Amino acid sequence: MNYFELIGLIAGTLTTISFIPQVHKSFKTKGVKDFSWLYLLIFGTGVFFWFIYGLSLNSIPIILANIVTFILVLSLVFMKVKYK
């Protein structure tokens, strides 16, 4: 692992875990009405494309961060459907 991959892992970890408290709060309160469908669609699509881009570069930091973030976005989508 080189220096830039380490920076990428740190950046991906920080940006991904920053999303976890919001998902946790949404799950705990069952409050997801403030998340618009358009936001979830655009953000989820962007994360998915970052994942594909990471695959094309064979970049572990990009791949891992975006897999986890995509799962978190999907959990918000699931809650939005379940708790409407």
PDB file of N, CA and C in Angstrom:
ATOM      1  N   MET A   1       0.849  -1.178   0.000  1.00  0.00           N
ATOM      2  CA  MET A   1       0.000   0.000   0.000  1.00  0.00           C
ATOM      3  C   MET A   1       0.896   1.243   0.000  1.00  0.00           C
ATOM      4  N   ASN A   2       0.568   2.149  -0.903  1.00  0.00           N
ATOM      5  CA  ASN A   2       1.365   3.372  -0.951  1.00  0.00           C
ATOM      6  C   ASN A   2       0.701   4.489  -0.137  1.00  0.00           C
ATOM      7  N   TYR A   3       1.401   5.584  -0.042  1.00  0.00           N
ATOM      8  CA  TYR A   3       0.971   6.739   0.752  1.00  0.00           C
ATOM      9  C   TYR A   3      -0.400   7.256   0.313  1.00  0.00           C
ATOM     10  N   PHE A   4      -0.631   7.329  -0.996  1.00  0.00           N
ATOM     11  CA  PHE A   4      -1.892   7.870  -1.496  1.00  0.00           C
ATOM     12  C   PHE A   4      -3.060   6.912  -1.262  1.00  0.00           C
ATOM     13  N   GLU A   5      -2.817   5.619  -1.301  1.00  0.00           N
ATOM     14  CA  GLU A   5      -3.878   4.670  -0.965  1.00  0.00           C
ATOM     15  C   GLU A   5      -4.266   4.807   0.508  1.00  0.00           C
ATOM     16  N   LEU A   6      -3.291   5.037   1.369  1.00  0.00           N
ATOM     17  CA  LEU A   6      -3.577   5.241   2.783  1.00  0.00           C
ATOM     18  C   LEU A   6      -4.424   6.504   2.980  1.00  0.00           C
ATOM     19  N   ILE A   7      -4.074   7.569   2.284  1.00  0.00           N
ATOM     20  CA  ILE A   7      -4.870   8.797   2.346  1.00  0.00           C
ATOM     21  C   ILE A   7      -6.289   8.516   1.851  1.00  0.00           C
ATOM     22  N   GLY A   8      -6.398   7.760   0.779  1.00  0.00           N
ATOM     23  CA  GLY A   8      -7.711   7.404   0.242  1.00  0.00           C
ATOM     24  C   GLY A   8      -8.530   6.588   1.227  1.00  0.00           C
ATOM     25  N   LEU A   9      -7.889   5.647   1.913  1.00  0.00           N
ATOM     26  CA  LEU A   9      -8.595   4.847   2.914  1.00  0.00           C
ATOM     27  C   LEU A   9      -9.075   5.714   4.081  1.00  0.00           C
ATOM     28  N   ILE A  10      -8.242   6.622   4.521  1.00  0.00           N
ATOM     29  CA  ILE A  10      -8.638   7.519   5.616  1.00  0.00           C
ATOM     30  C   ILE A  10      -9.799   8.410   5.164  1.00  0.00           C
ATOM     31  N   ALA A  11      -9.682   9.007   3.981  1.00  0.00           N
ATOM     32  CA  ALA A  11     -10.742   9.881   3.470  1.00  0.00           C
ATOM     33  C   ALA A  11     -12.047   9.104   3.286  1.00  0.00           C
ATOM     34  N   GLY A  12     -11.971   7.937   2.683  1.00  0.00           N
ATOM     35  CA  GLY A  12     -13.167   7.122   2.471  1.00  0.00           C
ATOM     36  C   GLY A  12     -13.811   6.696   3.773  1.00  0.00           C
ATOM     37  N   THR A  13     -12.985   6.344   4.742  1.00  0.00           N
ATOM     38  CA  THR A  13     -13.505   5.939   6.051  1.00  0.00           C
ATOM     39  C   THR A  13     -14.219   7.105   6.726  1.00  0.00           C
ATOM     40  N   LEU A  14     -13.598   8.260   6.737  1.00  0.00           N
ATOM     41  CA  LEU A  14     -14.191   9.424   7.397  1.00  0.00           C
ATOM     42  C   LEU A  14     -15.496   9.859   6.731  1.00  0.00           C
ATOM     43  N   THR A  15     -15.511   9.941   5.408  1.00  0.00           N
ATOM     44  CA  THR A  15     -16.730  10.390   4.733  1.00  0.00           C
ATOM     45  C   THR A  15     -17.847   9.354   4.843  1.00  0.00           C
ATOM     46  N   THR A  16     -17.487   8.086   4.857  1.00  0.00           N
ATOM     47  CA  THR A  16     -18.502   7.049   4.985  1.00  0.00           C
ATOM     48  C   THR A  16     -19.068   6.994   6.391  1.00  0.00           C
ATOM     49  N   ILE A  17     -18.206   7.026   7.402  1.00  0.00           N
ATOM     50  CA  ILE A  17     -18.729   6.935   8.766  1.00  0.00           C
ATOM     51  C   ILE A  17     -19.475   8.205   9.171  1.00  0.00           C
ATOM     52  N   SER A  18     -19.237   9.308   8.479  1.00  0.00           N
ATOM     53  CA  SER A  18     -19.985  10.527   8.792  1.00  0.00           C
ATOM     54  C   SER A  18     -21.465  10.362   8.458  1.00  0.00           C
ATOM     55  N   PHE A  19     -21.785   9.445   7.591  1.00  0.00           N
ATOM     56  CA  PHE A  19     -23.164   9.178   7.177  1.00  0.00           C
ATOM     57  C   PHE A  19     -23.877   8.254   8.171  1.00  0.00           C
ATOM     58  N   ILE A  20     -23.129   7.483   8.928  1.00  0.00           N
ATOM     59  CA  ILE A  20     -23.707   6.491   9.840  1.00  0.00           C
ATOM     60  C   ILE A  20     -24.593   7.105  10.925  1.00  0.00           C
ATOM     61  N   PRO A  21     -24.199   8.189  11.588  1.00  0.00           N
ATOM     62  CA  PRO A  21     -25.093   8.746  12.615  1.00  0.00           C
ATOM     63  C   PRO A  21     -26.467   9.143  12.071  1.00  0.00           C
ATOM     64  N   GLN A  22     -26.518   9.658  10.852  1.00  0.00           N
ATOM     65  CA  GLN A  22     -27.806  10.039  10.274  1.00  0.00           C
ATOM     66  C   GLN A  22     -28.664   8.814   9.992  1.00  0.00           C
ATOM     67  N   VAL A  23     -28.054   7.767   9.477  1.00  0.00           N
ATOM     68  CA  VAL A  23     -28.795   6.531   9.217  1.00  0.00           C
ATOM     69  C   VAL A  23     -29.280   5.934  10.540  1.00  0.00           C
ATOM     70  N   HIS A  24     -28.425   5.952  11.551  1.00  0.00           N
ATOM     71  CA  HIS A  24     -28.806   5.433  12.863  1.00  0.00           C
ATOM     72  C   HIS A  24     -29.971   6.228  13.450  1.00  0.00           C
ATOM     73  N   LYS A  25     -29.888   7.556  13.375  1.00  0.00           N
ATOM     74  CA  LYS A  25     -30.966   8.402  13.886  1.00  0.00           C
ATOM     75  C   LYS A  25     -32.269   8.143  13.130  1.00  0.00           C
ATOM     76  N   SER A  26     -32.174   7.996  11.826  1.00  0.00           N
ATOM     77  CA  SER A  26     -33.366   7.724  11.020  1.00  0.00           C
ATOM     78  C   SER A  26     -33.991   6.393  11.408  1.00  0.00           C
ATOM     79  N   PHE A  27     -33.156   5.402  11.656  1.00  0.00           N
ATOM     80  CA  PHE A  27     -33.659   4.088  12.067  1.00  0.00           C
ATOM     81  C   PHE A  27     -34.302   4.169  13.448  1.00  0.00           C
ATOM     82  N   LYS A  28     -33.647   4.866  14.349  1.00  0.00           N
ATOM     83  CA  LYS A  28     -34.128   4.964  15.728  1.00  0.00           C
ATOM     84  C   LYS A  28     -35.454   5.736  15.814  1.00  0.00           C
ATOM     85  N   THR A  29     -35.550   6.838  15.087  1.00  0.00           N
ATOM     86  CA  THR A  29     -36.753   7.681  15.154  1.00  0.00           C
ATOM     87  C   THR A  29     -37.794   7.312  14.106  1.00  0.00           C
ATOM     88  N   LYS A  30     -37.418   6.460  13.177  1.00  0.00           N
ATOM     89  CA  LYS A  30     -38.257   6.112  12.033  1.00  0.00           C
ATOM     90  C   LYS A  30     -38.652   7.365  11.251  1.00  0.00           C
ATOM     91  N   GLY A  31     -37.770   8.350  11.291  1.00  0.00           N
ATOM     92  CA  GLY A  31     -38.009   9.620  10.615  1.00  0.00           C
ATOM     93  C   GLY A  31     -37.140   9.779   9.388  1.00  0.00           C
ATOM     94  N   VAL A  32     -37.708   9.528   8.241  1.00  0.00           N
ATOM     95  CA  VAL A  32     -36.967   9.667   6.982  1.00  0.00           C
ATOM     96  C   VAL A  32     -37.691  10.579   6.006  1.00  0.00           C
ATOM     97  N   LYS A  33     -38.739  11.263   6.494  1.00  0.00           N
ATOM     98  CA  LYS A  33     -39.515  12.112   5.578  1.00  0.00           C
ATOM     99  C   LYS A  33     -38.699  13.278   5.033  1.00  0.00           C
ATOM    100  N   ASP A  34     -37.666  13.703   5.746  1.00  0.00           N
ATOM    101  CA  ASP A  34     -36.849  14.816   5.274  1.00  0.00           C
ATOM    102  C   ASP A  34     -35.885  14.434   4.157  1.00  0.00           C
ATOM    103  N   PHE A  35     -35.739  13.147   3.909  1.00  0.00           N
ATOM    104  CA  PHE A  35     -34.930  12.693   2.776  1.00  0.00           C
ATOM    105  C   PHE A  35     -35.832  12.637   1.546  1.00  0.00           C
ATOM    106  N   SER A  36     -35.531  13.455   0.553  1.00  0.00           N
ATOM    107  CA  SER A  36     -36.356  13.417  -0.658  1.00  0.00           C
ATOM    108  C   SER A  36     -35.954  12.220  -1.514  1.00  0.00           C
ATOM    109  N   TRP A  37     -36.913  11.738  -2.269  1.00  0.00           N
ATOM    110  CA  TRP A  37     -36.626  10.635  -3.191  1.00  0.00           C
ATOM    111  C   TRP A  37     -35.586  11.056  -4.219  1.00  0.00           C
ATOM    112  N   LEU A  38     -35.650  12.311  -4.650  1.00  0.00           N
ATOM    113  CA  LEU A  38     -34.693  12.800  -5.647  1.00  0.00           C
ATOM    114  C   LEU A  38     -33.270  12.782  -5.078  1.00  0.00           C
ATOM    115  N   TYR A  39     -33.127  13.232  -3.838  1.00  0.00           N
ATOM    116  CA  TYR A  39     -31.809  13.197  -3.179  1.00  0.00           C
ATOM    117  C   TYR A  39     -31.281  11.761  -3.130  1.00  0.00           C
ATOM    118  N   LEU A  40     -32.103  10.845  -2.649  1.00  0.00           N
ATOM    119  CA  LEU A  40     -31.663   9.451  -2.517  1.00  0.00           C
ATOM    120  C   LEU A  40     -31.294   8.861  -3.874  1.00  0.00           C
ATOM    121  N   LEU A  41     -32.078   9.195  -4.899  1.00  0.00           N
ATOM    122  CA  LEU A  41     -31.792   8.687  -6.245  1.00  0.00           C
ATOM    123  C   LEU A  41     -30.475   9.247  -6.782  1.00  0.00           C
ATOM    124  N   ILE A  42     -30.310  10.559  -6.687  1.00  0.00           N
ATOM    125  CA  ILE A  42     -29.096  11.182  -7.226  1.00  0.00           C
ATOM    126  C   ILE A  42     -27.863  10.747  -6.431  1.00  0.00           C
ATOM    127  N   PHE A  43     -27.947  10.810  -5.109  1.00  0.00           N
ATOM    128  CA  PHE A  43     -26.809  10.440  -4.276  1.00  0.00           C
ATOM    129  C   PHE A  43     -26.458   8.961  -4.458  1.00  0.00           C
ATOM    130  N   GLY A  44     -27.469   8.098  -4.436  1.00  0.00           N
ATOM    131  CA  GLY A  44     -27.235   6.661  -4.612  1.00  0.00           C
ATOM    132  C   GLY A  44     -26.622   6.336  -5.968  1.00  0.00           C
ATOM    133  N   THR A  45     -27.096   7.002  -7.004  1.00  0.00           N
ATOM    134  CA  THR A  45     -26.545   6.793  -8.348  1.00  0.00           C
ATOM    135  C   THR A  45     -25.095   7.258  -8.413  1.00  0.00           C
ATOM    136  N   GLY A  46     -24.819   8.416  -7.807  1.00  0.00           N
ATOM    137  CA  GLY A  46     -23.446   8.915  -7.781  1.00  0.00           C
ATOM    138  C   GLY A  46     -22.506   7.972  -7.054  1.00  0.00           C
ATOM    139  N   VAL A  47     -22.947   7.461  -5.923  1.00  0.00           N
ATOM    140  CA  VAL A  47     -22.135   6.511  -5.149  1.00  0.00           C
ATOM    141  C   VAL A  47     -21.899   5.237  -5.960  1.00  0.00           C
ATOM    142  N   PHE A  48     -22.942   4.767  -6.639  1.00  0.00           N
ATOM    143  CA  PHE A  48     -22.796   3.567  -7.470  1.00  0.00           C
ATOM    144  C   PHE A  48     -21.759   3.790  -8.574  1.00  0.00           C
ATOM    145  N   PHE A  49     -21.808   4.949  -9.215  1.00  0.00           N
ATOM    146  CA  PHE A  49     -20.831   5.238 -10.269  1.00  0.00           C
ATOM    147  C   PHE A  49     -19.419   5.406  -9.712  1.00  0.00           C
ATOM    148  N   TRP A  50     -19.287   5.962  -8.514  1.00  0.00           N
ATOM    149  CA  TRP A  50     -17.964   6.006  -7.875  1.00  0.00           C
ATOM    150  C   TRP A  50     -17.444   4.589  -7.648  1.00  0.00           C
ATOM    151  N   PHE A  51     -18.329   3.688  -7.247  1.00  0.00           N
ATOM    152  CA  PHE A  51     -17.946   2.290  -7.050  1.00  0.00           C
ATOM    153  C   PHE A  51     -17.440   1.680  -8.367  1.00  0.00           C
ATOM    154  N   ILE A  52     -18.184   1.898  -9.453  1.00  0.00           N
ATOM    155  CA  ILE A  52     -17.772   1.383 -10.768  1.00  0.00           C
ATOM    156  C   ILE A  52     -16.423   1.984 -11.167  1.00  0.00           C
ATOM    157  N   TYR A  53     -16.263   3.270 -10.927  1.00  0.00           N
ATOM    158  CA  TYR A  53     -14.991   3.946 -11.223  1.00  0.00           C
ATOM    159  C   TYR A  53     -13.864   3.316 -10.408  1.00  0.00           C
ATOM    160  N   GLY A  54     -14.117   3.053  -9.137  1.00  0.00           N
ATOM    161  CA  GLY A  54     -13.117   2.400  -8.286  1.00  0.00           C
ATOM    162  C   GLY A  54     -12.730   1.034  -8.816  1.00  0.00           C
ATOM    163  N   LEU A  55     -13.737   0.283  -9.309  1.00  0.00           N
ATOM    164  CA  LEU A  55     -13.436  -1.021  -9.905  1.00  0.00           C
ATOM    165  C   LEU A  55     -12.530  -0.871 -11.122  1.00  0.00           C
ATOM    166  N   SER A  56     -12.816   0.136 -11.945  1.00  0.00           N
ATOM    167  CA  SER A  56     -12.011   0.315 -13.168  1.00  0.00           C
ATOM    168  C   SER A  56     -10.562   0.658 -12.838  1.00  0.00           C
ATOM    169  N   LEU A  57     -10.357   1.323 -11.696  1.00  0.00           N
ATOM    170  CA  LEU A  57      -8.994   1.677 -11.277  1.00  0.00           C
ATOM    171  C   LEU A  57      -8.379   0.616 -10.362  1.00  0.00           C
ATOM    172  N   ASN A  58      -9.188  -0.351  -9.977  1.00  0.00           N
ATOM    173  CA  ASN A  58      -8.786  -1.343  -8.986  1.00  0.00           C
ATOM    174  C   ASN A  58      -8.309  -0.652  -7.705  1.00  0.00           C
ATOM    175  N   SER A  59      -9.099   0.356  -7.287  1.00  0.00           N
ATOM    176  CA  SER A  59      -8.760   1.168  -6.127  1.00  0.00           C
ATOM    177  C   SER A  59      -9.572   0.714  -4.913  1.00  0.00           C
ATOM    178  N   ILE A  60      -8.921   0.017  -4.005  1.00  0.00           N
ATOM    179  CA  ILE A  60      -9.587  -0.500  -2.809  1.00  0.00           C
ATOM    180  C   ILE A  60     -10.263   0.607  -2.001  1.00  0.00           C
ATOM    181  N   PRO A  61      -9.611   1.765  -1.761  1.00  0.00           N
ATOM    182  CA  PRO A  61     -10.283   2.811  -0.982  1.00  0.00           C
ATOM    183  C   PRO A  61     -11.600   3.278  -1.609  1.00  0.00           C
ATOM    184  N   ILE A  62     -11.601   3.490  -2.910  1.00  0.00           N
ATOM    185  CA  ILE A  62     -12.820   3.954  -3.588  1.00  0.00           C
ATOM    186  C   ILE A  62     -13.881   2.862  -3.564  1.00  0.00           C
ATOM    187  N   ILE A  63     -13.484   1.644  -3.816  1.00  0.00           N
ATOM    188  CA  ILE A  63     -14.427   0.525  -3.839  1.00  0.00           C
ATOM    189  C   ILE A  63     -15.076   0.333  -2.472  1.00  0.00           C
ATOM    190  N   LEU A  64     -14.257   0.224  -1.431  1.00  0.00           N
ATOM    191  CA  LEU A  64     -14.798  -0.046  -0.087  1.00  0.00           C
ATOM    192  C   LEU A  64     -15.695   1.081   0.417  1.00  0.00           C
ATOM    193  N   ALA A  65     -15.230   2.311   0.282  1.00  0.00           N
ATOM    194  CA  ALA A  65     -16.015   3.447   0.782  1.00  0.00           C
ATOM    195  C   ALA A  65     -17.371   3.508   0.107  1.00  0.00           C
ATOM    196  N   ASN A  66     -17.399   3.250  -1.181  1.00  0.00           N
ATOM    197  CA  ASN A  66     -18.652   3.396  -1.904  1.00  0.00           C
ATOM    198  C   ASN A  66     -19.570   2.192  -1.773  1.00  0.00           C
ATOM    199  N   ILE A  67     -19.027   1.011  -1.532  1.00  0.00           N
ATOM    200  CA  ILE A  67     -19.892  -0.135  -1.221  1.00  0.00           C
ATOM    201  C   ILE A  67     -20.632   0.132   0.088  1.00  0.00           C
ATOM    202  N   VAL A  68     -19.901   0.545   1.101  1.00  0.00           N
ATOM    203  CA  VAL A  68     -20.514   0.790   2.418  1.00  0.00           C
ATOM    204  C   VAL A  68     -21.519   1.934   2.322  1.00  0.00           C
ATOM    205  N   THR A  69     -21.147   3.020   1.659  1.00  0.00           N
ATOM    206  CA  THR A  69     -22.057   4.156   1.524  1.00  0.00           C
ATOM    207  C   THR A  69     -23.309   3.766   0.752  1.00  0.00           C
ATOM    208  N   PHE A  70     -23.161   2.967  -0.299  1.00  0.00           N
ATOM    209  CA  PHE A  70     -24.320   2.522  -1.081  1.00  0.00           C
ATOM    210  C   PHE A  70     -25.255   1.681  -0.221  1.00  0.00           C
ATOM    211  N   ILE A  71     -24.709   0.833   0.618  1.00  0.00           N
ATOM    212  CA  ILE A  71     -25.537   0.036   1.533  1.00  0.00           C
ATOM    213  C   ILE A  71     -26.286   0.954   2.504  1.00  0.00           C
ATOM    214  N   LEU A  72     -25.618   1.998   2.988  1.00  0.00           N
ATOM    215  CA  LEU A  72     -26.278   2.954   3.882  1.00  0.00           C
ATOM    216  C   LEU A  72     -27.403   3.694   3.165  1.00  0.00           C
ATOM    217  N   VAL A  73     -27.175   4.083   1.911  1.00  0.00           N
ATOM    218  CA  VAL A  73     -28.227   4.746   1.129  1.00  0.00           C
ATOM    219  C   VAL A  73     -29.398   3.794   0.918  1.00  0.00           C
ATOM    220  N   LEU A  74     -29.096   2.539   0.602  1.00  0.00           N
ATOM    221  CA  LEU A  74     -30.170   1.555   0.430  1.00  0.00           C
ATOM    222  C   LEU A  74     -30.962   1.363   1.717  1.00  0.00           C
ATOM    223  N   SER A  75     -30.293   1.448   2.852  1.00  0.00           N
ATOM    224  CA  SER A  75     -31.017   1.310   4.117  1.00  0.00           C
ATOM    225  C   SER A  75     -31.968   2.494   4.313  1.00  0.00           C
ATOM    226  N   LEU A  76     -31.581   3.692   3.896  1.00  0.00           N
ATOM    227  CA  LEU A  76     -32.482   4.839   3.966  1.00  0.00           C
ATOM    228  C   LEU A  76     -33.662   4.664   3.013  1.00  0.00           C
ATOM    229  N   VAL A  77     -33.411   4.135   1.829  1.00  0.00           N
ATOM    230  CA  VAL A  77     -34.491   3.864   0.883  1.00  0.00           C
ATOM    231  C   VAL A  77     -35.463   2.862   1.491  1.00  0.00           C
ATOM    232  N   PHE A  78     -34.939   1.796   2.081  1.00  0.00           N
ATOM    233  CA  PHE A  78     -35.774   0.784   2.723  1.00  0.00           C
ATOM    234  C   PHE A  78     -36.630   1.421   3.821  1.00  0.00           C
ATOM    235  N   MET A  79     -36.010   2.249   4.661  1.00  0.00           N
ATOM    236  CA  MET A  79     -36.754   2.900   5.744  1.00  0.00           C
ATOM    237  C   MET A  79     -37.798   3.871   5.190  1.00  0.00           C
ATOM    238  N   LYS A  80     -37.458   4.572   4.104  1.00  0.00           N
ATOM    239  CA  LYS A  80     -38.397   5.508   3.502  1.00  0.00           C
ATOM    240  C   LYS A  80     -39.649   4.767   3.025  1.00  0.00           C
ATOM    241  N   VAL A  81     -39.467   3.591   2.477  1.00  0.00           N
ATOM    242  CA  VAL A  81     -40.606   2.783   2.028  1.00  0.00           C
ATOM    243  C   VAL A  81     -41.361   2.218   3.223  1.00  0.00           C
ATOM    244  N   LYS A  82     -40.639   1.688   4.190  1.00  0.00           N
ATOM    245  CA  LYS A  82     -41.262   1.018   5.327  1.00  0.00           C
ATOM    246  C   LYS A  82     -41.970   1.984   6.263  1.00  0.00           C
ATOM    247  N   TYR A  83     -41.405   3.152   6.520  1.00  0.00           N
ATOM    248  CA  TYR A  83     -41.943   4.059   7.526  1.00  0.00           C
ATOM    249  C   TYR A  83     -42.742   5.228   6.953  1.00  0.00           C
ATOM    250  N   LYS A  84     -43.188   5.120   5.718  1.00  0.00           N
ATOM    251  CA  LYS A  84     -43.890   6.273   5.125  1.00  0.00           C
ATOM    252  C   LYS A  84     -45.180   6.589   5.757  1.00  0.00           C
TER     253      LYS A  84
END
